[in-house]
Amino acid sequence: MPFNPSRRAGRIDAMGFFLASVLAALAAGGVYAALHLGWFRSAWELGEWLVAGLAFLAVGLGIQGASAPRNANVHGTARPASEAEAQAVARGDTKLASLHDRTFPD
């Protein structure tokens, strides 16, 4: 049987639709139960709580998405090598300092 990516994508879409519909049904049942059991005085109060919760969720996701890059951890006085330094290292004229016993200021 040959590989058919469109068939596989159709299955994934159907499964995603099924999971989204189950989640929506659970949410609707939770709203009905919350109103029926008297957890909220009215549907408007429930709506206020939902809006506030979604606002906090959006802010939290926004903060996570706007983080600093993880590869910017240069400490001390790091700088690129000059042309003369790069040529000296390429020729082998310089001895590199061992880094295992040095301390660097933060």
N, C-alpha and C. Protein backbone atom coordinates (compact mmCIF):
# COMPACT_ATOMS: atom_id res chain seq x y z
N MET A 1 0.84 -1.17 0.00
CA MET A 1 0.00 0.00 0.00
C MET A 1 0.89 1.24 0.00
N PRO A 2 0.78 2.10 -1.00
CA PRO A 2 1.65 3.27 -1.07
C PRO A 2 1.27 4.31 -0.02
N PHE A 3 2.27 5.12 0.31
CA PHE A 3 2.07 6.18 1.30
C PHE A 3 1.23 7.30 0.69
N ASN A 4 0.19 7.69 1.39
CA ASN A 4 -0.70 8.75 0.91
C ASN A 4 -0.80 9.81 2.01
N PRO A 5 -0.02 10.90 1.91
CA PRO A 5 -0.01 11.90 2.99
C PRO A 5 -1.35 12.59 3.16
N SER A 6 -2.14 12.75 2.11
CA SER A 6 -3.42 13.44 2.26
C SER A 6 -4.39 12.60 3.08
N ARG A 7 -4.32 11.28 2.95
CA ARG A 7 -5.19 10.42 3.76
C ARG A 7 -4.82 10.51 5.24
N ARG A 8 -3.51 10.52 5.50
CA ARG A 8 -3.05 10.63 6.89
C ARG A 8 -3.46 11.97 7.49
N ALA A 9 -3.34 13.03 6.72
CA ALA A 9 -3.73 14.35 7.21
C ALA A 9 -5.23 14.39 7.49
N GLY A 10 -6.00 13.70 6.68
CA GLY A 10 -7.45 13.63 6.92
C GLY A 10 -7.76 12.95 8.22
N ARG A 11 -7.01 11.89 8.55
CA ARG A 11 -7.22 11.21 9.82
C ARG A 11 -6.86 12.11 10.99
N ILE A 12 -5.76 12.83 10.86
CA ILE A 12 -5.34 13.73 11.93
C ILE A 12 -6.37 14.84 12.11
N ASP A 13 -6.86 15.38 11.01
CA ASP A 13 -7.87 16.43 11.11
C ASP A 13 -9.14 15.90 11.75
N ALA A 14 -9.55 14.69 11.40
CA ALA A 14 -10.75 14.10 11.99
C ALA A 14 -10.54 13.88 13.49
N MET A 15 -9.37 13.40 13.87
CA MET A 15 -9.09 13.18 15.29
C MET A 15 -9.04 14.50 16.04
N GLY A 16 -8.44 15.52 15.44
CA GLY A 16 -8.42 16.84 16.07
C GLY A 16 -9.81 17.41 16.24
N PHE A 17 -10.64 17.24 15.23
CA PHE A 17 -12.03 17.71 15.33
C PHE A 17 -12.78 16.96 16.42
N PHE A 18 -12.55 15.64 16.51
CA PHE A 18 -13.20 14.84 17.53
C PHE A 18 -12.77 15.29 18.93
N LEU A 19 -11.47 15.50 19.13
CA LEU A 19 -10.98 15.92 20.44
C LEU A 19 -11.48 17.32 20.80
N ALA A 20 -11.54 18.22 19.81
CA ALA A 20 -12.06 19.56 20.07
C ALA A 20 -13.54 19.51 20.43
N SER A 21 -14.29 18.63 19.77
CA SER A 21 -15.72 18.53 20.09
C SER A 21 -15.93 17.92 21.47
N VAL A 22 -15.10 16.96 21.86
CA VAL A 22 -15.20 16.39 23.21
C VAL A 22 -14.87 17.46 24.25
N LEU A 23 -13.85 18.26 23.99
CA LEU A 23 -13.49 19.34 24.91
C LEU A 23 -14.61 20.36 25.01
N ALA A 24 -15.22 20.71 23.89
CA ALA A 24 -16.34 21.67 23.91
C ALA A 24 -17.53 21.09 24.67
N ALA A 25 -17.81 19.80 24.51
CA ALA A 25 -18.91 19.17 25.25
C ALA A 25 -18.62 19.18 26.75
N LEU A 26 -17.40 18.89 27.13
CA LEU A 26 -17.04 18.93 28.55
C LEU A 26 -17.16 20.34 29.11
N ALA A 27 -16.74 21.32 28.34
CA ALA A 27 -16.86 22.71 28.79
C ALA A 27 -18.32 23.11 28.94
N ALA A 28 -19.14 22.73 27.98
CA ALA A 28 -20.57 23.06 28.07
C ALA A 28 -21.20 22.37 29.28
N GLY A 29 -20.84 21.12 29.52
CA GLY A 29 -21.35 20.42 30.70
C GLY A 29 -20.88 21.07 31.99
N GLY A 30 -19.64 21.53 32.02
CA GLY A 30 -19.13 22.21 33.21
C GLY A 30 -19.85 23.52 33.47
N VAL A 31 -20.14 24.26 32.40
CA VAL A 31 -20.89 25.52 32.56
C VAL A 31 -22.29 25.23 33.08
N TYR A 32 -22.93 24.22 32.51
CA TYR A 32 -24.29 23.87 32.97
C TYR A 32 -24.27 23.45 34.44
N ALA A 33 -23.29 22.61 34.82
CA ALA A 33 -23.19 22.16 36.20
C ALA A 33 -22.91 23.32 37.14
N ALA A 34 -22.05 24.23 36.74
CA ALA A 34 -21.72 25.37 37.60
C ALA A 34 -22.94 26.25 37.82
N LEU A 35 -23.71 26.47 36.77
CA LEU A 35 -24.92 27.29 36.93
C LEU A 35 -25.99 26.53 37.69
N HIS A 36 -26.14 25.24 37.43
CA HIS A 36 -27.18 24.43 38.08
C HIS A 36 -26.91 24.26 39.57
N LEU A 37 -25.64 24.10 39.95
CA LEU A 37 -25.30 23.90 41.35
C LEU A 37 -25.20 25.21 42.11
N GLY A 38 -25.34 26.32 41.44
CA GLY A 38 -25.36 27.61 42.12
C GLY A 38 -24.00 28.16 42.46
N TRP A 39 -22.98 27.75 41.74
CA TRP A 39 -21.65 28.29 42.01
C TRP A 39 -21.56 29.75 41.62
N PHE A 40 -22.37 30.16 40.68
CA PHE A 40 -22.43 31.55 40.22
C PHE A 40 -23.86 32.01 40.32
N ARG A 41 -24.06 33.29 40.65
CA ARG A 41 -25.41 33.81 40.80
C ARG A 41 -26.13 33.95 39.47
N SER A 42 -25.39 34.17 38.40
CA SER A 42 -26.01 34.33 37.09
C SER A 42 -25.01 33.94 36.01
N ALA A 43 -25.50 33.85 34.81
CA ALA A 43 -24.61 33.56 33.69
C ALA A 43 -23.63 34.71 33.45
N TRP A 44 -24.03 35.92 33.80
CA TRP A 44 -23.14 37.07 33.63
C TRP A 44 -21.93 36.97 34.55
N GLU A 45 -22.16 36.52 35.78
CA GLU A 45 -21.03 36.36 36.70
C GLU A 45 -20.08 35.27 36.19
N LEU A 46 -20.64 34.19 35.67
CA LEU A 46 -19.82 33.15 35.08
C LEU A 46 -19.01 33.71 33.91
N GLY A 47 -19.65 34.52 33.08
CA GLY A 47 -18.96 35.14 31.95
C GLY A 47 -17.82 36.03 32.40
N GLU A 48 -18.04 36.78 33.49
CA GLU A 48 -16.98 37.63 34.02
C GLU A 48 -15.77 36.80 34.46
N TRP A 49 -16.03 35.70 35.14
CA TRP A 49 -14.94 34.83 35.57
C TRP A 49 -14.22 34.22 34.38
N LEU A 50 -14.96 33.83 33.37
CA LEU A 50 -14.34 33.26 32.18
C LEU A 50 -13.47 34.29 31.45
N VAL A 51 -13.96 35.52 31.33
CA VAL A 51 -13.18 36.57 30.67
C VAL A 51 -11.90 36.86 31.45
N ALA A 52 -12.02 36.94 32.77
CA ALA A 52 -10.83 37.20 33.59
C ALA A 52 -9.84 36.05 33.48
N GLY A 53 -10.31 34.82 33.51
CA GLY A 53 -9.43 33.66 33.39
C GLY A 53 -8.74 33.61 32.05
N LEU A 54 -9.49 33.88 30.98
CA LEU A 54 -8.89 33.88 29.65
C LEU A 54 -7.88 35.02 29.50
N ALA A 55 -8.14 36.16 30.14
CA ALA A 55 -7.19 37.27 30.08
C ALA A 55 -5.87 36.89 30.76
N PHE A 56 -5.97 36.25 31.94
CA PHE A 56 -4.75 35.80 32.62
C PHE A 56 -4.02 34.75 31.79
N LEU A 57 -4.75 33.86 31.15
CA LEU A 57 -4.12 32.85 30.29
C LEU A 57 -3.40 33.50 29.12
N ALA A 58 -4.04 34.50 28.50
CA ALA A 58 -3.42 35.18 27.36
C ALA A 58 -2.16 35.92 27.79
N VAL A 59 -2.20 36.57 28.95
CA VAL A 59 -1.02 37.28 29.44
C VAL A 59 0.10 36.29 29.74
N GLY A 60 -0.24 35.16 30.35
CA GLY A 60 0.77 34.16 30.66
C GLY A 60 1.41 33.58 29.41
N LEU A 61 0.61 33.30 28.41
CA LEU A 61 1.17 32.79 27.15
C LEU A 61 1.99 33.85 26.45
N GLY A 62 1.58 35.11 26.55
CA GLY A 62 2.33 36.19 25.94
C GLY A 62 3.68 36.38 26.59
N ILE A 63 3.74 36.22 27.89
CA ILE A 63 5.02 36.36 28.60
C ILE A 63 5.96 35.23 28.21
N GLN A 64 5.45 34.03 28.08
CA GLN A 64 6.30 32.91 27.69
C GLN A 64 6.80 33.07 26.26
N GLY A 65 5.98 33.62 25.39
CA GLY A 65 6.39 33.76 23.99
C GLY A 65 7.40 34.86 23.77
N ALA A 66 7.51 35.82 24.67
CA ALA A 66 8.40 36.97 24.48
C ALA A 66 9.64 36.87 25.36
N SER A 67 10.21 35.68 25.46
CA SER A 67 11.39 35.53 26.30
C SER A 67 12.65 35.90 25.52
N ALA A 68 13.71 36.16 26.25
CA ALA A 68 15.00 36.51 25.64
C ALA A 68 15.60 35.28 24.98
N PRO A 69 16.44 35.47 23.99
CA PRO A 69 17.08 34.31 23.38
C PRO A 69 17.97 33.58 24.38
N ARG A 70 18.03 32.29 24.26
CA ARG A 70 18.77 31.46 25.22
C ARG A 70 20.28 31.43 24.95
N ASN A 71 20.73 31.93 23.82
CA ASN A 71 22.14 31.83 23.48
C ASN A 71 22.90 33.12 23.76
N ALA A 72 22.39 33.99 24.58
CA ALA A 72 23.04 35.27 24.87
C ALA A 72 23.64 35.26 26.27
N ASN A 73 24.49 34.28 26.55
CA ASN A 73 25.05 34.15 27.90
C ASN A 73 26.54 34.45 27.92
N VAL A 74 26.94 35.55 27.31
CA VAL A 74 28.34 35.95 27.31
C VAL A 74 28.60 36.78 28.56
N HIS A 75 29.61 36.38 29.33
CA HIS A 75 29.93 37.10 30.57
C HIS A 75 31.29 37.77 30.43
N GLY A 76 31.47 38.81 31.19
CA GLY A 76 32.78 39.46 31.22
C GLY A 76 32.99 40.39 30.03
N THR A 77 34.22 40.46 29.59
CA THR A 77 34.58 41.39 28.51
C THR A 77 34.84 40.62 27.22
N ALA A 78 33.89 39.85 26.80
CA ALA A 78 34.05 39.08 25.56
C ALA A 78 34.01 40.02 24.37
N ARG A 79 34.89 39.76 23.41
CA ARG A 79 34.92 40.56 22.20
C ARG A 79 35.44 39.68 21.08
N PRO A 80 35.14 40.01 19.84
CA PRO A 80 35.69 39.23 18.74
C PRO A 80 37.19 39.48 18.60
N ALA A 81 37.89 38.50 18.09
CA ALA A 81 39.33 38.63 17.92
C ALA A 81 39.64 39.60 16.78
N SER A 82 40.73 40.32 16.95
CA SER A 82 41.17 41.20 15.87
C SER A 82 41.80 40.36 14.76
N GLU A 83 42.05 41.01 13.64
CA GLU A 83 42.65 40.30 12.50
C GLU A 83 44.04 39.77 12.86
N ALA A 84 44.82 40.59 13.57
CA ALA A 84 46.18 40.16 13.95
C ALA A 84 46.13 38.98 14.92
N GLU A 85 45.20 39.03 15.88
CA GLU A 85 45.08 37.92 16.83
C GLU A 85 44.64 36.64 16.13
N ALA A 86 43.72 36.76 15.20
CA ALA A 86 43.24 35.58 14.48
C ALA A 86 44.36 34.97 13.64
N GLN A 87 45.19 35.81 13.00
CA GLN A 87 46.29 35.29 12.19
C GLN A 87 47.36 34.64 13.06
N ALA A 88 47.62 35.23 14.24
CA ALA A 88 48.62 34.66 15.14
C ALA A 88 48.17 33.29 15.64
N VAL A 89 46.91 33.15 15.95
CA VAL A 89 46.39 31.86 16.40
C VAL A 89 46.43 30.85 15.26
N ALA A 90 46.10 31.29 14.05
CA ALA A 90 46.12 30.38 12.90
C ALA A 90 47.54 29.88 12.62
N ARG A 91 48.55 30.73 12.82
CA ARG A 91 49.95 30.32 12.61
C ARG A 91 50.45 29.45 13.75
N GLY A 92 49.78 29.51 14.91
CA GLY A 92 50.24 28.75 16.07
C GLY A 92 51.23 29.51 16.90
N ASP A 93 51.33 30.83 16.73
CA ASP A 93 52.29 31.64 17.46
C ASP A 93 51.86 31.91 18.90
N THR A 94 50.63 31.72 19.23
CA THR A 94 50.15 32.04 20.59
C THR A 94 49.80 30.76 21.31
N LYS A 95 49.97 30.81 22.61
CA LYS A 95 49.57 29.69 23.45
C LYS A 95 48.26 30.08 24.12
N LEU A 96 47.24 29.26 23.93
CA LEU A 96 45.94 29.54 24.52
C LEU A 96 45.99 29.30 26.01
N ALA A 97 45.40 30.20 26.77
CA ALA A 97 45.36 30.07 28.22
C ALA A 97 44.39 28.96 28.61
N SER A 98 44.77 28.22 29.65
CA SER A 98 43.85 27.19 30.12
C SER A 98 42.71 27.85 30.89
N LEU A 99 41.52 27.39 30.63
CA LEU A 99 40.35 28.01 31.23
C LEU A 99 39.84 27.27 32.47
N HIS A 100 40.38 26.10 32.76
CA HIS A 100 39.80 25.31 33.83
C HIS A 100 40.07 25.86 35.23
N ASP A 101 41.11 26.66 35.42
CA ASP A 101 41.41 27.17 36.74
C ASP A 101 41.25 28.67 36.86
N ARG A 102 40.62 29.29 35.89
CA ARG A 102 40.44 30.75 35.93
C ARG A 102 39.06 31.09 36.47
N THR A 103 38.97 32.24 37.09
CA THR A 103 37.66 32.74 37.53
C THR A 103 37.36 33.98 36.72
N PHE A 104 36.11 34.13 36.39
CA PHE A 104 35.67 35.24 35.56
C PHE A 104 34.71 36.11 36.35
N PRO A 105 34.84 37.44 36.26
CA PRO A 105 33.89 38.30 36.97
C PRO A 105 32.52 38.26 36.29
N ASP A 106 31.51 38.37 37.09
CA ASP A 106 30.13 38.35 36.54
C ASP A 106 29.74 39.66 35.98
